[in-house]
């Protein structure tokens, strides 16, 4: 077991696994959002994932509290959870329900760029010429998708609002992940504590999601679609795959890959999986411009963070 954990490929495998599981979860989330409020989906998925973590910890005898960090570290994890697992997830699911999975996938390619920018700010460095070109290419890919002539009848104002909201979700998510990198560095090669950080980060995300949901009108009515067992099973499966398994693999990969940009690149392979899966299962259109936008985004990510 230790040989596997110490392998240089362990982090790579974890990050790639996160991309695959997350892609499947996104497709199911999108399908569920056709019948269920995105605000309720976010609250439920974080709650179900929290329960999964608790059961997992009990089964593997992982302590529910870790006291090896200082006070500032705990605050970083909490704020990271509010931003990345709370606000970002609420906005993400809402945008997903409005503009579809393959558009969301392309916009998510913006995340490694934003992560790199936030990291650079914290380290007082600036983008060099190659990285600046990469940033511009990613931005152009989003513009291509924004001004693409839609063949699926999506209202232009809804599309632009959805794209803007997803960019905001990416910013919140990126801020959250950059905040906890120093904390993760303190527990390198300790998978149990990395999972504990993931769990502890999820708790404020769950509370934030329920807080947002409580401000929705007709809250009781929003629960009614869950009477359909098929829909409820979708939420359970997607929460397990996305918020429990994929999130765990992502944090483990991010913590165990020496160069974080490589983790970001592997994470962005999800754009390919999501576009293909949305075409097969959700019948979302794949146009030449969307493929071009995807390839531009991936190229821009590579230029920016390599």
Protein backbone atom coordinates (compact mmCIF):
# COMPACT_ATOMS: atom_id res chain seq x y z
CA UNK A 1 0.00 0.00 0.00
CA UNK A 2 2.79 2.43 0.93
CA UNK A 3 4.48 1.66 -2.41
CA UNK A 4 1.35 2.84 -4.20
CA UNK A 5 1.02 6.00 -2.10
CA UNK A 6 4.68 6.88 -2.61
CA UNK A 7 4.47 6.37 -6.38
CA UNK A 8 4.79 9.53 -8.47
CA UNK A 9 1.77 8.32 -10.42
CA UNK A 10 -0.54 8.11 -7.39
CA UNK A 11 -1.41 11.82 -7.47
CA UNK A 12 -1.84 11.72 -11.25
CA UNK A 13 -4.23 8.79 -11.00
CA UNK A 14 -6.23 10.49 -8.24
CA UNK A 15 -6.62 13.74 -10.21
CA UNK A 16 -7.67 11.90 -13.38
CA UNK A 17 -10.13 9.75 -11.41
CA UNK A 18 -11.62 12.95 -9.97
CA UNK A 19 -12.20 14.27 -13.50
CA UNK A 20 -13.94 11.07 -14.61
CA UNK A 21 -16.21 10.73 -11.57
CA UNK A 22 -17.03 14.45 -11.60
CA UNK A 23 -17.99 14.30 -15.29
CA UNK A 24 -20.48 11.51 -14.64
CA UNK A 25 -21.91 13.39 -11.65
CA UNK A 26 -22.36 16.60 -13.67
CA UNK A 27 -24.45 14.76 -16.26
CA UNK A 28 -26.70 13.33 -13.54
CA UNK A 29 -26.96 16.70 -11.78
CA UNK A 30 -28.04 18.32 -15.05
CA UNK A 31 -30.65 15.63 -15.63
CA UNK A 32 -32.01 16.09 -12.08
CA UNK A 33 -32.08 19.89 -12.41
CA UNK A 34 -34.80 19.57 -15.05
CA UNK A 35 -37.22 18.60 -12.25
CA UNK A 36 -35.60 19.76 -9.01
CA UNK A 37 -34.56 23.19 -7.74
CA UNK A 38 -30.79 23.75 -8.17
CA UNK A 39 -30.70 25.25 -4.67
CA UNK A 40 -32.18 22.08 -3.19
CA UNK A 41 -29.84 19.89 -5.27
CA UNK A 42 -26.82 21.70 -3.84
CA UNK A 43 -28.01 21.39 -0.26
CA UNK A 44 -28.91 17.71 -0.68
CA UNK A 45 -25.70 16.72 -2.44
CA UNK A 46 -23.53 18.32 0.24
CA UNK A 47 -25.61 16.71 2.98
CA UNK A 48 -25.45 13.25 1.40
CA UNK A 49 -21.70 13.60 0.86
CA UNK A 50 -21.26 14.64 4.49
CA UNK A 51 -23.08 11.50 5.61
CA UNK A 52 -20.88 9.42 3.28
CA UNK A 53 -17.75 10.90 4.85
CA UNK A 54 -19.03 10.22 8.38
CA UNK A 55 -19.78 6.58 7.54
CA UNK A 56 -16.43 6.22 5.78
CA UNK A 57 -14.56 7.61 8.78
CA UNK A 58 -16.40 5.35 11.21
CA UNK A 59 -15.76 2.25 9.09
CA UNK A 60 -12.04 3.01 8.65
CA UNK A 61 -11.67 4.32 12.21
CA UNK A 62 -10.53 7.78 11.06
CA UNK A 63 -10.88 10.37 13.88
CA UNK A 64 -13.67 12.91 13.41
CA UNK A 65 -11.43 15.67 14.74
CA UNK A 66 -7.81 16.46 13.94
CA UNK A 67 -6.03 18.90 16.29
CA UNK A 68 -2.72 19.17 14.46
CA UNK A 69 -3.37 22.55 12.85
CA UNK A 70 -3.19 26.06 14.24
CA UNK A 71 -6.24 28.32 14.54
CA UNK A 72 -5.53 30.15 11.28
CA UNK A 73 -5.43 26.83 9.40
CA UNK A 74 -8.91 25.91 10.64
CA UNK A 75 -10.25 29.32 9.61
CA UNK A 76 -8.73 28.85 6.15
CA UNK A 77 -10.47 25.49 5.75
CA UNK A 78 -13.81 26.93 6.92
CA UNK A 79 -13.68 29.97 4.62
CA UNK A 80 -12.50 27.73 1.77
CA UNK A 81 -15.56 25.54 2.35
CA UNK A 82 -17.96 28.48 2.34
CA UNK A 83 -16.51 29.77 -0.92
CA UNK A 84 -15.81 26.53 -2.77
CA UNK A 85 -18.38 24.07 -1.45
CA UNK A 86 -21.11 26.55 -0.57
CA UNK A 87 -21.38 29.65 -2.76
CA UNK A 88 -19.53 28.21 -5.77
CA UNK A 89 -21.61 25.02 -5.77
CA UNK A 90 -24.93 26.87 -5.48
CA UNK A 91 -24.02 29.11 -8.42
CA UNK A 92 -22.61 26.15 -10.40
CA UNK A 93 -25.74 24.00 -10.14
CA UNK A 94 -27.93 26.99 -11.00
CA UNK A 95 -25.83 27.83 -14.07
CA UNK A 96 -25.76 24.16 -15.07
CA UNK A 97 -29.55 24.04 -15.04
CA UNK A 98 -29.72 27.09 -17.32
CA UNK A 99 -26.98 26.68 -19.96
CA UNK A 100 -26.21 22.96 -20.06
CA UNK A 101 -23.30 20.69 -19.27
CA UNK A 102 -21.03 21.20 -22.26
CA UNK A 103 -20.98 25.00 -21.92
CA UNK A 104 -20.24 24.61 -18.21
CA UNK A 105 -17.38 22.25 -19.06
CA UNK A 106 -15.67 24.78 -21.30
CA UNK A 107 -16.02 27.59 -18.76
CA UNK A 108 -14.50 25.35 -16.09
CA UNK A 109 -11.28 25.38 -18.11
CA UNK A 110 -10.95 28.92 -16.79
CA UNK A 111 -10.39 27.53 -13.28
CA UNK A 112 -6.68 26.53 -13.56
CA UNK A 113 -5.95 29.97 -14.98
CA UNK A 114 -7.73 31.67 -12.07
CA UNK A 115 -5.99 29.36 -9.59
CA UNK A 116 -2.64 30.28 -11.10
CA UNK A 117 -3.45 33.98 -10.94
CA UNK A 118 -4.50 33.78 -7.29
CA UNK A 119 -1.38 31.76 -6.50
CA UNK A 120 0.75 34.33 -8.29
CA UNK A 121 -0.84 37.16 -6.31
CA UNK A 122 -0.12 35.41 -3.03
CA UNK A 123 3.47 34.81 -4.15
CA UNK A 124 3.88 38.36 -5.52
CA UNK A 125 4.72 37.12 -9.02
CA UNK A 126 3.30 38.11 -12.40
CA UNK A 127 2.30 36.27 -15.57
CA UNK A 128 5.05 35.99 -18.18
CA UNK A 129 4.36 36.40 -21.90
CA UNK A 130 3.51 32.72 -22.49
CA UNK A 131 1.14 32.63 -19.53
CA UNK A 132 -0.51 35.85 -20.63
CA UNK A 133 -1.10 34.37 -24.09
CA UNK A 134 -2.58 31.26 -22.47
CA UNK A 135 -4.90 33.40 -20.35
CA UNK A 136 -6.08 35.29 -23.44
CA UNK A 137 -6.70 32.03 -25.34
CA UNK A 138 -8.88 30.69 -22.53
CA UNK A 139 -10.77 33.99 -22.45
CA UNK A 140 -11.25 33.86 -26.24
CA UNK A 141 -12.62 30.31 -25.97
CA UNK A 142 -15.30 31.58 -23.58
CA UNK A 143 -16.12 34.47 -25.94
CA UNK A 144 -16.48 32.00 -28.83
CA UNK A 145 -19.04 30.05 -26.85
CA UNK A 146 -20.80 33.19 -25.58
CA UNK A 147 -21.41 34.60 -29.05
CA UNK A 148 -21.98 31.29 -30.79
CA UNK A 149 -25.26 31.22 -32.69
CA UNK A 150 -27.28 28.72 -30.70
CA UNK A 151 -29.03 25.86 -32.44
CA UNK A 152 -30.81 24.69 -29.29
CA UNK A 153 -33.01 27.78 -28.93
CA UNK A 154 -31.44 29.05 -25.71
CA UNK A 155 -32.28 32.69 -25.02
CA UNK A 156 -29.18 34.85 -25.43
CA UNK A 157 -29.75 36.73 -22.17
CA UNK A 158 -30.12 33.47 -20.21
CA UNK A 159 -26.96 32.12 -21.80
CA UNK A 160 -24.89 35.21 -21.02
CA UNK A 161 -26.21 35.35 -17.47
CA UNK A 162 -25.42 31.65 -17.01
CA UNK A 163 -21.89 32.07 -18.37
CA UNK A 164 -21.25 35.08 -16.12
CA UNK A 165 -22.52 33.18 -13.08
CA UNK A 166 -20.35 30.16 -13.85
CA UNK A 167 -17.28 32.39 -14.17
CA UNK A 168 -18.16 33.76 -10.72
CA UNK A 169 -18.47 30.18 -9.42
CA UNK A 170 -15.02 29.40 -10.84
CA UNK A 171 -13.56 32.44 -9.08
CA UNK A 172 -15.05 31.41 -5.72
CA UNK A 173 -13.93 27.81 -6.19
CA UNK A 174 -10.40 28.86 -7.16
CA UNK A 175 -10.07 31.16 -4.17
CA UNK A 176 -11.15 28.28 -1.94
CA UNK A 177 -8.65 25.76 -3.29
CA UNK A 178 -5.72 28.21 -3.22
CA UNK A 179 -6.49 29.08 0.41
CA UNK A 180 -6.03 25.50 1.62
CA UNK A 181 -2.90 24.60 -0.37
CA UNK A 182 -0.57 25.66 2.51
CA UNK A 183 -2.66 23.53 4.88
CA UNK A 184 -2.46 20.52 2.56
CA UNK A 185 1.30 20.89 2.35
CA UNK A 186 1.46 20.26 6.11
CA UNK A 187 -0.08 16.80 5.72
CA UNK A 188 1.63 15.48 2.60
CA UNK A 189 1.45 11.68 2.22
CA UNK A 190 -1.21 11.46 4.95
CA UNK A 191 -4.34 10.42 3.04
CA UNK A 192 -6.51 10.17 6.16
CA UNK A 193 -5.87 13.80 7.16
CA UNK A 194 -6.31 14.99 3.56
CA UNK A 195 -9.73 13.33 3.57
CA UNK A 196 -10.47 14.92 6.94
CA UNK A 197 -9.69 18.35 5.46
CA UNK A 198 -12.07 17.55 2.61
CA UNK A 199 -14.78 16.62 5.11
CA UNK A 200 -14.17 19.61 7.39
CA UNK A 201 -14.27 21.88 4.32
CA UNK A 202 -17.57 20.33 3.23
CA UNK A 203 -19.37 21.12 6.51
CA UNK A 204 -19.56 24.93 6.06
CA UNK A 205 -20.38 24.29 2.40
CA UNK A 206 -23.37 22.21 3.42
CA UNK A 207 -24.57 24.83 5.93
CA UNK A 208 -24.13 27.62 3.36
CA UNK A 209 -26.17 25.70 0.78
CA UNK A 210 -29.04 25.15 3.23
CA UNK A 211 -28.83 28.81 4.29
CA UNK A 212 -29.30 29.91 0.67
CA UNK A 213 -32.13 27.41 0.20
CA UNK A 214 -34.01 28.77 3.22
CA UNK A 215 -34.46 32.09 1.39
CA UNK A 216 -36.31 30.43 -1.49
CA UNK A 217 -40.07 30.84 -1.81
CA UNK A 218 -42.39 27.84 -1.39
CA UNK A 219 -39.61 25.73 0.13
CA UNK A 220 -41.91 22.82 1.02
CA UNK A 221 -43.19 22.59 -2.55
CA UNK A 222 -39.62 22.30 -3.84
CA UNK A 223 -39.30 18.96 -2.03
CA UNK A 224 -42.28 17.38 -3.82
CA UNK A 225 -40.37 16.08 -6.89
CA UNK A 226 -38.30 13.91 -4.52
CA UNK A 227 -41.35 11.67 -4.14
CA UNK A 228 -40.19 10.18 -7.43
CA UNK A 229 -37.84 7.40 -6.35
CA UNK A 230 -35.95 7.64 -9.64
CA UNK A 231 -35.12 11.30 -9.02
CA UNK A 232 -34.09 10.67 -5.42
CA UNK A 233 -31.75 7.87 -6.56
CA UNK A 234 -30.19 10.25 -9.10
CA UNK A 235 -29.36 12.72 -6.32
CA UNK A 236 -27.86 10.00 -4.13
CA UNK A 237 -25.70 8.56 -6.93
CA UNK A 238 -24.51 11.94 -8.24
CA UNK A 239 -23.75 13.17 -4.70
CA UNK A 240 -21.74 10.04 -3.98
CA UNK A 241 -19.82 10.16 -7.25
CA UNK A 242 -19.31 13.92 -7.40
CA UNK A 243 -19.18 15.46 -3.95
CA UNK A 244 -17.83 12.43 -2.07
CA UNK A 245 -15.62 10.38 -4.42
CA UNK A 246 -14.56 13.00 -7.00
CA UNK A 247 -13.95 15.68 -4.37
CA UNK A 248 -11.85 13.28 -2.31
CA UNK A 249 -9.77 12.24 -5.32
CA UNK A 250 -9.29 15.89 -6.32
CA UNK A 251 -8.00 16.97 -2.92
CA UNK A 252 -5.73 13.89 -2.73
CA UNK A 253 -4.41 14.50 -6.23
CA UNK A 254 -3.88 18.21 -5.58
CA UNK A 255 -2.01 17.40 -2.36
CA UNK A 256 0.15 14.60 -3.79
CA UNK A 257 1.25 16.07 -7.10
CA UNK A 258 4.44 18.04 -6.67
CA UNK A 259 3.47 20.65 -9.25
CA UNK A 260 -0.14 21.89 -8.71
CA UNK A 261 -0.49 23.04 -12.36
CA UNK A 262 -0.26 19.41 -13.46
CA UNK A 263 -3.16 18.56 -11.16
CA UNK A 264 -5.14 21.39 -12.77
CA UNK A 265 -4.48 20.08 -16.27
CA UNK A 266 -5.57 16.56 -15.32
CA UNK A 267 -8.66 18.00 -13.65
CA UNK A 268 -9.60 19.85 -16.83
CA UNK A 269 -9.72 16.63 -18.84
CA UNK A 270 -13.27 16.56 -17.47
CA UNK A 271 -14.23 19.00 -20.24
CA UNK A 272 -13.77 16.21 -22.80
CA UNK A 273 -15.70 13.65 -20.75
CA UNK A 274 -18.54 16.06 -19.98
CA UNK A 275 -19.01 17.17 -23.59
CA UNK A 276 -19.08 13.57 -24.83
CA UNK A 277 -21.38 12.35 -22.04
CA UNK A 278 -23.76 15.31 -22.44
CA UNK A 279 -23.99 14.53 -26.15
CA UNK A 280 -24.75 10.84 -25.53
CA UNK A 281 -27.05 11.04 -22.49
CA UNK A 282 -28.48 14.58 -22.49
CA UNK A 283 -28.67 14.98 -26.26
CA UNK A 284 -26.88 18.34 -26.04
CA UNK A 285 -25.55 19.51 -29.38
CA UNK A 286 -21.84 19.36 -30.17
CA UNK A 287 -21.04 22.03 -32.73
CA UNK A 288 -17.81 22.84 -34.50
CA UNK A 289 -17.53 26.09 -32.55
CA UNK A 290 -17.95 24.29 -29.21
CA UNK A 291 -15.23 21.79 -30.13
CA UNK A 292 -13.02 24.71 -31.18
CA UNK A 293 -13.82 26.49 -27.93
CA UNK A 294 -12.93 23.36 -25.92
CA UNK A 295 -9.60 22.86 -27.72
CA UNK A 296 -8.72 26.56 -27.32
CA UNK A 297 -9.51 26.38 -23.62
CA UNK A 298 -7.32 23.30 -23.07
CA UNK A 299 -4.47 24.89 -25.06
CA UNK A 300 -4.77 28.08 -23.03
CA UNK A 301 -4.69 26.11 -19.77
CA UNK A 302 -1.47 24.33 -20.83
CA UNK A 303 0.22 27.58 -21.88
CA UNK A 304 -0.76 29.36 -18.70
CA UNK A 305 0.30 26.81 -16.11
CA UNK A 306 3.23 24.99 -17.72
